[in-house]
Amino acid sequence: MARLIFTQQLSRFTEVPEVEALADNLRDALEAAFQVNPALRGYILDEQGDLRFHVVVFIDGKRVMQRSGLRDPLSSNSQVYVLQALSGG
């Protein structure tokens, strides 16, 4: 099963469980995580269902470049890291 790990920065706002998902793409894995904690959706996806601007996802060490669709393939051993990019001056 693919394993999703969310940034601990989100723990200030909501529970951020590690989730193991039987999913073959990023979208389905995220949906599995949202079933565990529905509040995560609003922090990860925008109103169109795309990755929020300040959210970055890595699958097996490679950054996901498409912010919409999220059909990036996962293997049964994939590790997915969901991070919040920091910005400011």
Foldseek 3Di string as FASTA:
>chain_A
DEWEFEDCVCVVPPDTDIDQDPDFFQLRRVVRRCVVPVVVQVVQAPPVRFGDPQKWKDKQRHTDDGRPPRGHTHDNYIYMYIYGHDDDD
